[in-house]
All heavy atoms as atom14 arrays in JSON, in Angstrom:
{
  "sequence": "TRSLSRADIQAQVRARKEQFDEANEKMTARSGRNLLSAILIGVVL",
  "atom14_mask": [
    [1, 1, 1, 1, 1, 1, 1, 0, 0, 0, 0, 0, 0, 0],
    [1, 1, 1, 1, 1, 1, 1, 1, 1, 1, 1, 0, 0, 0],
    [1, 1, 1, 1, 1, 1, 0, 0, 0, 0, 0, 0, 0, 0],
    [1, 1, 1, 1, 1, 1, 1, 1, 0, 0, 0, 0, 0, 0],
    [1, 1, 1, 1, 1, 1, 0, 0, 0, 0, 0, 0, 0, 0],
    [1, 1, 1, 1, 1, 1, 1, 1, 1, 1, 1, 0, 0, 0],
    [1, 1, 1, 1, 1, 0, 0, 0, 0, 0, 0, 0, 0, 0],
    [1, 1, 1, 1, 1, 1, 1, 1, 0, 0, 0, 0, 0, 0],
    [1, 1, 1, 1, 1, 1, 1, 1, 0, 0, 0, 0, 0, 0],
    [1, 1, 1, 1, 1, 1, 1, 1, 1, 0, 0, 0, 0, 0],
    [1, 1, 1, 1, 1, 0, 0, 0, 0, 0, 0, 0, 0, 0],
    [1, 1, 1, 1, 1, 1, 1, 1, 1, 0, 0, 0, 0, 0],
    [1, 1, 1, 1, 1, 1, 1, 0, 0, 0, 0, 0, 0, 0],
    [1, 1, 1, 1, 1, 1, 1, 1, 1, 1, 1, 0, 0, 0],
    [1, 1, 1, 1, 1, 0, 0, 0, 0, 0, 0, 0, 0, 0],
    [1, 1, 1, 1, 1, 1, 1, 1, 1, 1, 1, 0, 0, 0],
    [1, 1, 1, 1, 1, 1, 1, 1, 1, 0, 0, 0, 0, 0],
    [1, 1, 1, 1, 1, 1, 1, 1, 1, 0, 0, 0, 0, 0],
    [1, 1, 1, 1, 1, 1, 1, 1, 1, 0, 0, 0, 0, 0],
    [1, 1, 1, 1, 1, 1, 1, 1, 1, 1, 1, 0, 0, 0],
    [1, 1, 1, 1, 1, 1, 1, 1, 0, 0, 0, 0, 0, 0],
    [1, 1, 1, 1, 1, 1, 1, 1, 1, 0, 0, 0, 0, 0],
    [1, 1, 1, 1, 1, 0, 0, 0, 0, 0, 0, 0, 0, 0],
    [1, 1, 1, 1, 1, 1, 1, 1, 0, 0, 0, 0, 0, 0],
    [1, 1, 1, 1, 1, 1, 1, 1, 1, 0, 0, 0, 0, 0],
    [1, 1, 1, 1, 1, 1, 1, 1, 1, 0, 0, 0, 0, 0],
    [1, 1, 1, 1, 1, 1, 1, 1, 0, 0, 0, 0, 0, 0],
    [1, 1, 1, 1, 1, 1, 1, 0, 0, 0, 0, 0, 0, 0],
    [1, 1, 1, 1, 1, 0, 0, 0, 0, 0, 0, 0, 0, 0],
    [1, 1, 1, 1, 1, 1, 1, 1, 1, 1, 1, 0, 0, 0],
    [1, 1, 1, 1, 1, 1, 0, 0, 0, 0, 0, 0, 0, 0],
    [1, 1, 1, 1, 0, 0, 0, 0, 0, 0, 0, 0, 0, 0],
    [1, 1, 1, 1, 1, 1, 1, 1, 1, 1, 1, 0, 0, 0],
    [1, 1, 1, 1, 1, 1, 1, 1, 0, 0, 0, 0, 0, 0],
    [1, 1, 1, 1, 1, 1, 1, 1, 0, 0, 0, 0, 0, 0],
    [1, 1, 1, 1, 1, 1, 1, 1, 0, 0, 0, 0, 0, 0],
    [1, 1, 1, 1, 1, 1, 0, 0, 0, 0, 0, 0, 0, 0],
    [1, 1, 1, 1, 1, 0, 0, 0, 0, 0, 0, 0, 0, 0],
    [1, 1, 1, 1, 1, 1, 1, 1, 0, 0, 0, 0, 0, 0],
    [1, 1, 1, 1, 1, 1, 1, 1, 0, 0, 0, 0, 0, 0],
    [1, 1, 1, 1, 1, 1, 1, 1, 0, 0, 0, 0, 0, 0],
    [1, 1, 1, 1, 0, 0, 0, 0, 0, 0, 0, 0, 0, 0],
    [1, 1, 1, 1, 1, 1, 1, 0, 0, 0, 0, 0, 0, 0],
    [1, 1, 1, 1, 1, 1, 1, 0, 0, 0, 0, 0, 0, 0],
    [1, 1, 1, 1, 1, 1, 1, 1, 0, 0, 0, 0, 0, 0]
  ],
  "atom14_positions": [
    [[-167.08, -85.03, 184.85], [-166.86, -84.63, 183.47], [-166.0, -85.76, 182.82], [-166.28, -86.21, 181.71], [-166.1, -83.3, 183.37], [-166.82, -82.33, 183.99], [-165.8, -82.99, 181.94], [0.0, 0.0, 0.0], [0.0, 0.0, 0.0], [0.0, 0.0, 0.0], [0.0, 0.0, 0.0], [0.0, 0.0, 0.0], [0.0, 0.0, 0.0], [0.0, 0.0, 0.0]],
    [[-164.96, -86.25, 183.58], [-164.12, -87.35, 183.1], [-164.93, -88.56, 182.78], [-164.79, -89.31, 181.83], [-163.0, -87.64, 184.02], [-161.87, -86.53, 184.02], [-160.9, -86.93, 185.04], [-159.82, -85.88, 185.07], [-158.79, -85.87, 186.02], [-158.69, -86.88, 186.85], [-157.86, -84.98, 185.92], [0.0, 0.0, 0.0], [0.0, 0.0, 0.0], [0.0, 0.0, 0.0]],
    [[-165.85, -88.88, 183.7], [-166.7, -90.04, 183.58], [-167.55, -89.93, 182.32], [-167.69, -90.91, 181.52], [-167.56, -90.19, 184.84], [-168.39, -91.34, 184.66], [0.0, 0.0, 0.0], [0.0, 0.0, 0.0], [0.0, 0.0, 0.0], [0.0, 0.0, 0.0], [0.0, 0.0, 0.0], [0.0, 0.0, 0.0], [0.0, 0.0, 0.0], [0.0, 0.0, 0.0]],
    [[-168.14, -88.83, 182.1], [-169.01, -88.58, 180.95], [-168.14, -88.72, 179.67], [-168.56, -89.22, 178.66], [-169.67, -87.23, 181.04], [-170.82, -87.07, 182.12], [-171.28, -85.67, 182.14], [-171.91, -88.03, 181.77], [0.0, 0.0, 0.0], [0.0, 0.0, 0.0], [0.0, 0.0, 0.0], [0.0, 0.0, 0.0], [0.0, 0.0, 0.0], [0.0, 0.0, 0.0]],
    [[-166.97, -88.16, 179.71], [-166.1, -88.22, 178.43], [-165.73, -89.68, 178.19], [-165.76, -90.03, 177.01], [-164.84, -87.43, 178.72], [-165.13, -86.02, 178.99], [0.0, 0.0, 0.0], [0.0, 0.0, 0.0], [0.0, 0.0, 0.0], [0.0, 0.0, 0.0], [0.0, 0.0, 0.0], [0.0, 0.0, 0.0], [0.0, 0.0, 0.0], [0.0, 0.0, 0.0]],
    [[-165.43, -90.44, 179.16], [-165.14, -91.83, 178.95], [-166.32, -92.57, 178.38], [-166.26, -93.41, 177.51], [-164.64, -92.46, 180.26], [-164.13, -93.88, 180.06], [-163.62, -94.47, 181.39], [-162.59, -93.67, 182.06], [-162.73, -93.0, 183.19], [-163.92, -93.07, 183.82], [-161.76, -92.28, 183.7], [0.0, 0.0, 0.0], [0.0, 0.0, 0.0], [0.0, 0.0, 0.0]],
    [[-167.47, -92.29, 178.94], [-168.73, -92.89, 178.44], [-168.97, -92.56, 176.99], [-169.41, -93.38, 176.22], [-169.87, -92.48, 179.34], [0.0, 0.0, 0.0], [0.0, 0.0, 0.0], [0.0, 0.0, 0.0], [0.0, 0.0, 0.0], [0.0, 0.0, 0.0], [0.0, 0.0, 0.0], [0.0, 0.0, 0.0], [0.0, 0.0, 0.0], [0.0, 0.0, 0.0]],
    [[-168.75, -91.24, 176.68], [-168.94, -90.79, 175.29], [-167.98, -91.54, 174.34], [-168.41, -91.96, 173.23], [-168.72, -89.25, 175.22], [-169.78, -88.49, 175.89], [-170.86, -89.04, 176.13], [-169.53, -87.25, 176.24], [0.0, 0.0, 0.0], [0.0, 0.0, 0.0], [0.0, 0.0, 0.0], [0.0, 0.0, 0.0], [0.0, 0.0, 0.0], [0.0, 0.0, 0.0]],
    [[-166.83, -91.65, 174.75], [-165.8, -92.37, 173.92], [-166.22, -93.81, 173.72], [-166.18, -94.32, 172.58], [-164.38, -92.29, 174.59], [-163.91, -90.9, 174.54], [-163.41, -93.22, 173.77], [-162.6, -90.71, 175.31], [0.0, 0.0, 0.0], [0.0, 0.0, 0.0], [0.0, 0.0, 0.0], [0.0, 0.0, 0.0], [0.0, 0.0, 0.0], [0.0, 0.0, 0.0]],
    [[-166.69, -94.44, 174.79], [-167.07, -95.9, 174.64], [-168.3, -95.99, 173.75], [-168.43, -96.94, 172.93], [-167.43, -96.4, 176.06], [-166.15, -96.64, 176.97], [-166.56, -97.0, 178.36], [-167.7, -96.94, 178.73], [-165.54, -97.47, 179.1], [0.0, 0.0, 0.0], [0.0, 0.0, 0.0], [0.0, 0.0, 0.0], [0.0, 0.0, 0.0], [0.0, 0.0, 0.0]],
    [[-169.22, -94.99, 173.86], [-170.38, -95.02, 172.97], [-170.01, -94.84, 171.54], [-170.58, -95.48, 170.64], [-171.32, -93.92, 173.42], [0.0, 0.0, 0.0], [0.0, 0.0, 0.0], [0.0, 0.0, 0.0], [0.0, 0.0, 0.0], [0.0, 0.0, 0.0], [0.0, 0.0, 0.0], [0.0, 0.0, 0.0], [0.0, 0.0, 0.0], [0.0, 0.0, 0.0]],
    [[-169.07, -93.97, 171.27], [-168.63, -93.77, 169.92], [-167.94, -95.02, 169.33], [-168.15, -95.31, 168.21], [-167.65, -92.5, 169.84], [-168.32, -91.23, 170.12], [-167.28, -90.1, 170.1], [-166.15, -90.22, 169.79], [-167.78, -88.84, 170.35], [0.0, 0.0, 0.0], [0.0, 0.0, 0.0], [0.0, 0.0, 0.0], [0.0, 0.0, 0.0], [0.0, 0.0, 0.0]],
    [[-167.17, -95.65, 170.23], [-166.44, -96.89, 169.75], [-167.49, -97.96, 169.42], [-167.38, -98.65, 168.38], [-165.5, -97.43, 170.83], [-165.04, -98.84, 170.48], [-164.33, -96.47, 171.03], [0.0, 0.0, 0.0], [0.0, 0.0, 0.0], [0.0, 0.0, 0.0], [0.0, 0.0, 0.0], [0.0, 0.0, 0.0], [0.0, 0.0, 0.0], [0.0, 0.0, 0.0]],
    [[-168.53, -98.08, 170.3], [-169.59, -99.07, 170.01], [-170.34, -98.77, 168.65], [-170.65, -99.62, 167.96], [-170.56, -99.13, 171.18], [-170.03, -99.88, 172.43], [-171.17, -100.26, 173.37], [-171.82, -99.01, 173.85], [-171.39, -98.39, 174.98], [-170.46, -98.93, 175.7], [-172.08, -97.34, 175.39], [0.0, 0.0, 0.0], [0.0, 0.0, 0.0], [0.0, 0.0, 0.0]],
    [[-170.63, -97.4, 168.53], [-171.3, -96.97, 167.32], [-170.53, -97.29, 166.12], [-171.08, -97.74, 165.04], [-171.64, -95.51, 167.4], [0.0, 0.0, 0.0], [0.0, 0.0, 0.0], [0.0, 0.0, 0.0], [0.0, 0.0, 0.0], [0.0, 0.0, 0.0], [0.0, 0.0, 0.0], [0.0, 0.0, 0.0], [0.0, 0.0, 0.0], [0.0, 0.0, 0.0]],
    [[-169.19, -97.01, 166.1], [-168.33, -97.29, 164.93], [-168.22, -98.81, 164.66], [-168.25, -99.2, 163.53], [-166.92, -96.76, 165.21], [-166.82, -95.26, 165.29], [-167.1, -94.57, 163.94], [-166.97, -93.15, 164.03], [-167.94, -92.29, 164.31], [-169.14, -92.8, 164.66], [-167.77, -90.99, 164.38], [0.0, 0.0, 0.0], [0.0, 0.0, 0.0], [0.0, 0.0, 0.0]],
    [[-168.17, -99.56, 165.75], [-168.09, -101.05, 165.59], [-169.41, -101.51, 164.96], [-169.36, -102.41, 164.09], [-167.89, -101.74, 166.95], [-167.66, -103.2, 166.82], [-167.42, -103.87, 168.15], [-167.15, -105.33, 168.05], [-168.27, -106.08, 167.39], [0.0, 0.0, 0.0], [0.0, 0.0, 0.0], [0.0, 0.0, 0.0], [0.0, 0.0, 0.0], [0.0, 0.0, 0.0]],
    [[-170.53, -101.01, 165.41], [-171.81, -101.42, 164.8], [-171.85, -101.07, 163.33], [-172.38, -101.85, 162.51], [-172.99, -100.78, 165.62], [-173.08, -101.35, 167.01], [-174.24, -100.68, 167.82], [-174.73, -99.67, 167.24], [-174.46, -101.03, 168.93], [0.0, 0.0, 0.0], [0.0, 0.0, 0.0], [0.0, 0.0, 0.0], [0.0, 0.0, 0.0], [0.0, 0.0, 0.0]],
    [[-171.41, -99.86, 163.01], [-171.45, -99.47, 161.62], [-170.53, -100.32, 160.79], [-170.84, -100.71, 159.66], [-170.94, -97.99, 161.51], [-171.92, -96.92, 162.06], [-171.35, -95.59, 161.99], [-170.18, -95.4, 161.65], [-172.17, -94.63, 162.44], [0.0, 0.0, 0.0], [0.0, 0.0, 0.0], [0.0, 0.0, 0.0], [0.0, 0.0, 0.0], [0.0, 0.0, 0.0]],
    [[-169.3, -100.72, 161.31], [-168.42, -101.57, 160.55], [-169.04, -102.92, 160.42], [-168.88, -103.52, 159.3], [-167.09, -101.68, 161.36], [-166.14, -102.62, 160.75], [-165.32, -102.24, 159.64], [-166.0, -103.9, 161.21], [-164.41, -103.12, 159.12], [-165.08, -104.78, 160.72], [-164.27, -104.4, 159.63], [0.0, 0.0, 0.0], [0.0, 0.0, 0.0], [0.0, 0.0, 0.0]],
    [[-169.63, -103.48, 161.43], [-170.19, -104.84, 161.32], [-171.39, -104.85, 160.34], [-171.51, -105.81, 159.57], [-170.74, -105.25, 162.74], [-169.62, -105.5, 163.71], [-168.45, -105.76, 163.25], [-169.92, -105.54, 164.96], [0.0, 0.0, 0.0], [0.0, 0.0, 0.0], [0.0, 0.0, 0.0], [0.0, 0.0, 0.0], [0.0, 0.0, 0.0], [0.0, 0.0, 0.0]],
    [[-172.17, -103.7, 160.36], [-173.27, -103.62, 159.39], [-172.77, -103.56, 157.95], [-173.3, -104.29, 157.06], [-174.08, -102.43, 159.68], [-175.33, -102.3, 158.79], [-176.2, -101.01, 159.15], [-175.78, -100.34, 160.11], [-177.1, -100.75, 158.39], [0.0, 0.0, 0.0], [0.0, 0.0, 0.0], [0.0, 0.0, 0.0], [0.0, 0.0, 0.0], [0.0, 0.0, 0.0]],
    [[-171.66, -102.8, 157.7], [-171.13, -102.69, 156.41], [-170.53, -104.04, 155.95], [-170.68, -104.44, 154.83], [-170.06, -101.59, 156.31], [0.0, 0.0, 0.0], [0.0, 0.0, 0.0], [0.0, 0.0, 0.0], [0.0, 0.0, 0.0], [0.0, 0.0, 0.0], [0.0, 0.0, 0.0], [0.0, 0.0, 0.0], [0.0, 0.0, 0.0], [0.0, 0.0, 0.0]],
    [[-169.82, -104.71, 156.9], [-169.21, -106.0, 156.61], [-170.3, -107.05, 156.32], [-170.16, -107.87, 155.41], [-168.41, -106.43, 157.81], [-167.53, -107.67, 157.38], [-166.93, -107.69, 156.33], [-167.3, -108.51, 158.34], [0.0, 0.0, 0.0], [0.0, 0.0, 0.0], [0.0, 0.0, 0.0], [0.0, 0.0, 0.0], [0.0, 0.0, 0.0], [0.0, 0.0, 0.0]],
    [[-171.41, -106.97, 157.01], [-172.5, -107.91, 156.74], [-173.13, -107.71, 155.34], [-173.46, -108.67, 154.65], [-173.59, -107.82, 157.82], [-173.2, -108.36, 159.19], [-174.34, -108.15, 160.22], [-175.34, -107.58, 159.84], [-174.12, -108.48, 161.34], [0.0, 0.0, 0.0], [0.0, 0.0, 0.0], [0.0, 0.0, 0.0], [0.0, 0.0, 0.0], [0.0, 0.0, 0.0]],
    [[-173.25, -106.44, 154.94], [-173.8, -106.08, 153.61], [-172.82, -106.67, 152.53], [-173.35, -107.21, 151.51], [-173.97, -104.59, 153.49], [-175.13, -104.03, 154.31], [-175.26, -102.57, 154.09], [-176.42, -101.99, 154.83], [-176.54, -100.53, 154.7], [0.0, 0.0, 0.0], [0.0, 0.0, 0.0], [0.0, 0.0, 0.0], [0.0, 0.0, 0.0], [0.0, 0.0, 0.0]],
    [[-171.55, -106.44, 152.68], [-170.57, -106.9, 151.71], [-170.57, -108.46, 151.68], [-170.41, -109.02, 150.64], [-169.15, -106.37, 152.06], [-169.02, -104.92, 151.75], [-167.3, -104.27, 151.91], [-167.08, -104.38, 153.66], [0.0, 0.0, 0.0], [0.0, 0.0, 0.0], [0.0, 0.0, 0.0], [0.0, 0.0, 0.0], [0.0, 0.0, 0.0], [0.0, 0.0, 0.0]],
    [[-170.69, -109.09, 152.83], [-170.75, -110.52, 152.88], [-171.97, -111.09, 152.16], [-171.88, -112.04, 151.43], [-170.74, -111.03, 154.39], [-169.55, -110.55, 155.03], [-170.79, -112.48, 154.42], [0.0, 0.0, 0.0], [0.0, 0.0, 0.0], [0.0, 0.0, 0.0], [0.0, 0.0, 0.0], [0.0, 0.0, 0.0], [0.0, 0.0, 0.0], [0.0, 0.0, 0.0]],
    [[-173.1, -110.36, 152.34], [-174.34, -110.83, 151.66], [-174.21, -110.67, 150.17], [-174.65, -111.53, 149.38], [-175.47, -109.97, 152.1], [0.0, 0.0, 0.0], [0.0, 0.0, 0.0], [0.0, 0.0, 0.0], [0.0, 0.0, 0.0], [0.0, 0.0, 0.0], [0.0, 0.0, 0.0], [0.0, 0.0, 0.0], [0.0, 0.0, 0.0], [0.0, 0.0, 0.0]],
    [[-173.51, -109.6, 149.74], [-173.41, -109.37, 148.27], [-172.3, -110.25, 147.63], [-172.52, -110.77, 146.52], [-173.03, -107.91, 147.98], [-174.15, -106.92, 148.34], [-173.76, -105.5, 148.06], [-173.59, -105.37, 146.57], [-173.16, -104.24, 146.03], [-172.81, -103.19, 146.76], [-173.01, -104.13, 144.76], [0.0, 0.0, 0.0], [0.0, 0.0, 0.0], [0.0, 0.0, 0.0]],
    [[-171.24, -110.5, 148.39], [-170.17, -111.27, 147.8], [-170.21, -112.74, 148.12], [-169.52, -113.53, 147.47], [-168.78, -110.68, 148.3], [-168.68, -110.83, 149.69], [0.0, 0.0, 0.0], [0.0, 0.0, 0.0], [0.0, 0.0, 0.0], [0.0, 0.0, 0.0], [0.0, 0.0, 0.0], [0.0, 0.0, 0.0], [0.0, 0.0, 0.0], [0.0, 0.0, 0.0]],
    [[-170.92, -113.1, 149.2], [-170.96, -114.44, 149.57], [-169.83, -114.96, 150.45], [-169.63, -116.13, 150.76], [0.0, 0.0, 0.0], [0.0, 0.0, 0.0], [0.0, 0.0, 0.0], [0.0, 0.0, 0.0], [0.0, 0.0, 0.0], [0.0, 0.0, 0.0], [0.0, 0.0, 0.0], [0.0, 0.0, 0.0], [0.0, 0.0, 0.0], [0.0, 0.0, 0.0]],
    [[-168.99, -114.0, 150.97], [-167.92, -114.35, 151.84], [-167.59, -113.19, 152.8], [-167.84, -112.04, 152.45], [-166.72, -114.84, 151.11], [-166.13, -113.82, 150.15], [-164.9, -114.38, 149.46], [-164.39, -113.47, 148.39], [-163.35, -113.68, 147.72], [-162.6, -114.76, 147.91], [-162.97, -112.8, 146.78], [0.0, 0.0, 0.0], [0.0, 0.0, 0.0], [0.0, 0.0, 0.0]],
    [[-166.92, -113.54, 153.89], [-166.52, -112.48, 154.85], [-165.28, -111.77, 154.26], [-164.25, -112.31, 154.23], [-166.12, -113.11, 156.18], [-165.88, -112.06, 157.29], [-165.13, -111.03, 157.08], [-166.48, -112.27, 158.44], [0.0, 0.0, 0.0], [0.0, 0.0, 0.0], [0.0, 0.0, 0.0], [0.0, 0.0, 0.0], [0.0, 0.0, 0.0], [0.0, 0.0, 0.0]],
    [[-165.55, -110.53, 153.77], [-164.53, -109.86, 153.04], [-163.22, -109.52, 153.83], [-162.16, -109.68, 153.38], [-165.09, -108.58, 152.46], [-164.21, -107.84, 151.38], [-163.89, -108.75, 150.23], [-164.89, -106.52, 150.96], [0.0, 0.0, 0.0], [0.0, 0.0, 0.0], [0.0, 0.0, 0.0], [0.0, 0.0, 0.0], [0.0, 0.0, 0.0], [0.0, 0.0, 0.0]],
    [[-163.5, -109.14, 155.12], [-162.3, -108.77, 155.89], [-161.42, -109.98, 156.22], [-160.19, -109.86, 156.01], [-162.74, -108.19, 157.25], [-161.67, -107.72, 158.23], [-160.78, -106.66, 157.63], [-162.31, -107.24, 159.54], [0.0, 0.0, 0.0], [0.0, 0.0, 0.0], [0.0, 0.0, 0.0], [0.0, 0.0, 0.0], [0.0, 0.0, 0.0], [0.0, 0.0, 0.0]],
    [[-162.0, -111.13, 156.55], [-161.23, -112.29, 156.81], [-160.51, -112.74, 155.57], [-159.39, -113.19, 155.55], [-162.13, -113.4, 157.38], [-162.62, -112.99, 158.67], [0.0, 0.0, 0.0], [0.0, 0.0, 0.0], [0.0, 0.0, 0.0], [0.0, 0.0, 0.0], [0.0, 0.0, 0.0], [0.0, 0.0, 0.0], [0.0, 0.0, 0.0], [0.0, 0.0, 0.0]],
    [[-161.32, -112.68, 154.46], [-160.77, -113.08, 153.15], [-159.51, -112.27, 152.77], [-158.51, -112.77, 152.3], [-161.76, -112.99, 152.02], [0.0, 0.0, 0.0], [0.0, 0.0, 0.0], [0.0, 0.0, 0.0], [0.0, 0.0, 0.0], [0.0, 0.0, 0.0], [0.0, 0.0, 0.0], [0.0, 0.0, 0.0], [0.0, 0.0, 0.0], [0.0, 0.0, 0.0]],
    [[-159.57, -110.92, 152.97], [-158.48, -110.08, 152.62], [-157.25, -110.39, 153.52], [-156.15, -110.49, 153.03], [-158.88, -108.56, 152.73], [-159.85, -108.21, 151.72], [-157.62, -107.68, 152.7], [-160.5, -106.85, 151.79], [0.0, 0.0, 0.0], [0.0, 0.0, 0.0], [0.0, 0.0, 0.0], [0.0, 0.0, 0.0], [0.0, 0.0, 0.0], [0.0, 0.0, 0.0]],
    [[-157.47, -110.5, 154.88], [-156.33, -110.74, 155.79], [-155.69, -112.08, 155.4], [-154.42, -112.16, 155.31], [-156.93, -110.72, 157.21], [-157.35, -109.4, 157.78], [-157.94, -109.65, 159.17], [-156.17, -108.44, 157.81], [0.0, 0.0, 0.0], [0.0, 0.0, 0.0], [0.0, 0.0, 0.0], [0.0, 0.0, 0.0], [0.0, 0.0, 0.0], [0.0, 0.0, 0.0]],
    [[-156.44, -113.12, 155.24], [-155.79, -114.4, 154.93], [-155.19, -114.4, 153.55], [-154.1, -114.94, 153.34], [-156.92, -115.56, 154.99], [-157.38, -115.73, 156.44], [-156.35, -116.84, 154.44], [-158.52, -116.71, 156.57], [0.0, 0.0, 0.0], [0.0, 0.0, 0.0], [0.0, 0.0, 0.0], [0.0, 0.0, 0.0], [0.0, 0.0, 0.0], [0.0, 0.0, 0.0]],
    [[-155.8, -113.73, 152.57], [-155.16, -113.6, 151.27], [-153.88, -112.86, 151.32], [-152.89, -113.29, 150.66], [0.0, 0.0, 0.0], [0.0, 0.0, 0.0], [0.0, 0.0, 0.0], [0.0, 0.0, 0.0], [0.0, 0.0, 0.0], [0.0, 0.0, 0.0], [0.0, 0.0, 0.0], [0.0, 0.0, 0.0], [0.0, 0.0, 0.0], [0.0, 0.0, 0.0]],
    [[-153.81, -111.84, 152.07], [-152.5, -111.08, 152.21], [-151.41, -111.96, 152.83], [-150.26, -111.95, 152.39], [-152.7, -109.82, 153.07], [-151.42, -109.21, 153.4], [-153.59, -108.78, 152.27], [0.0, 0.0, 0.0], [0.0, 0.0, 0.0], [0.0, 0.0, 0.0], [0.0, 0.0, 0.0], [0.0, 0.0, 0.0], [0.0, 0.0, 0.0], [0.0, 0.0, 0.0]],
    [[-151.79, -112.68, 153.84], [-150.75, -113.58, 154.55], [-150.31, -114.67, 153.55], [-149.04, -114.91, 153.48], [-151.39, -114.21, 155.79], [-150.45, -115.3, 156.37], [-151.7, -113.17, 156.82], [0.0, 0.0, 0.0], [0.0, 0.0, 0.0], [0.0, 0.0, 0.0], [0.0, 0.0, 0.0], [0.0, 0.0, 0.0], [0.0, 0.0, 0.0], [0.0, 0.0, 0.0]],
    [[-151.18, -115.3, 152.87], [-150.83, -116.4, 151.88], [-149.97, -115.78, 150.86], [-148.95, -116.44, 150.41], [-152.06, -117.04, 151.36], [-152.87, -117.9, 152.23], [-154.14, -118.47, 151.63], [-152.04, -119.07, 152.81], [0.0, 0.0, 0.0], [0.0, 0.0, 0.0], [0.0, 0.0, 0.0], [0.0, 0.0, 0.0], [0.0, 0.0, 0.0], [0.0, 0.0, 0.0]]
  ]
}
């Protein structure tokens, strides 16, 4: 049961990461730049 739970959590993490990457790619395509990196660097500067 613990093994299955850990596997489920890992699968959910991968799924969320894929969704985030897909959303980030769409925003990058529309805006012409990596929005996440742009925001982080902009905040630091």
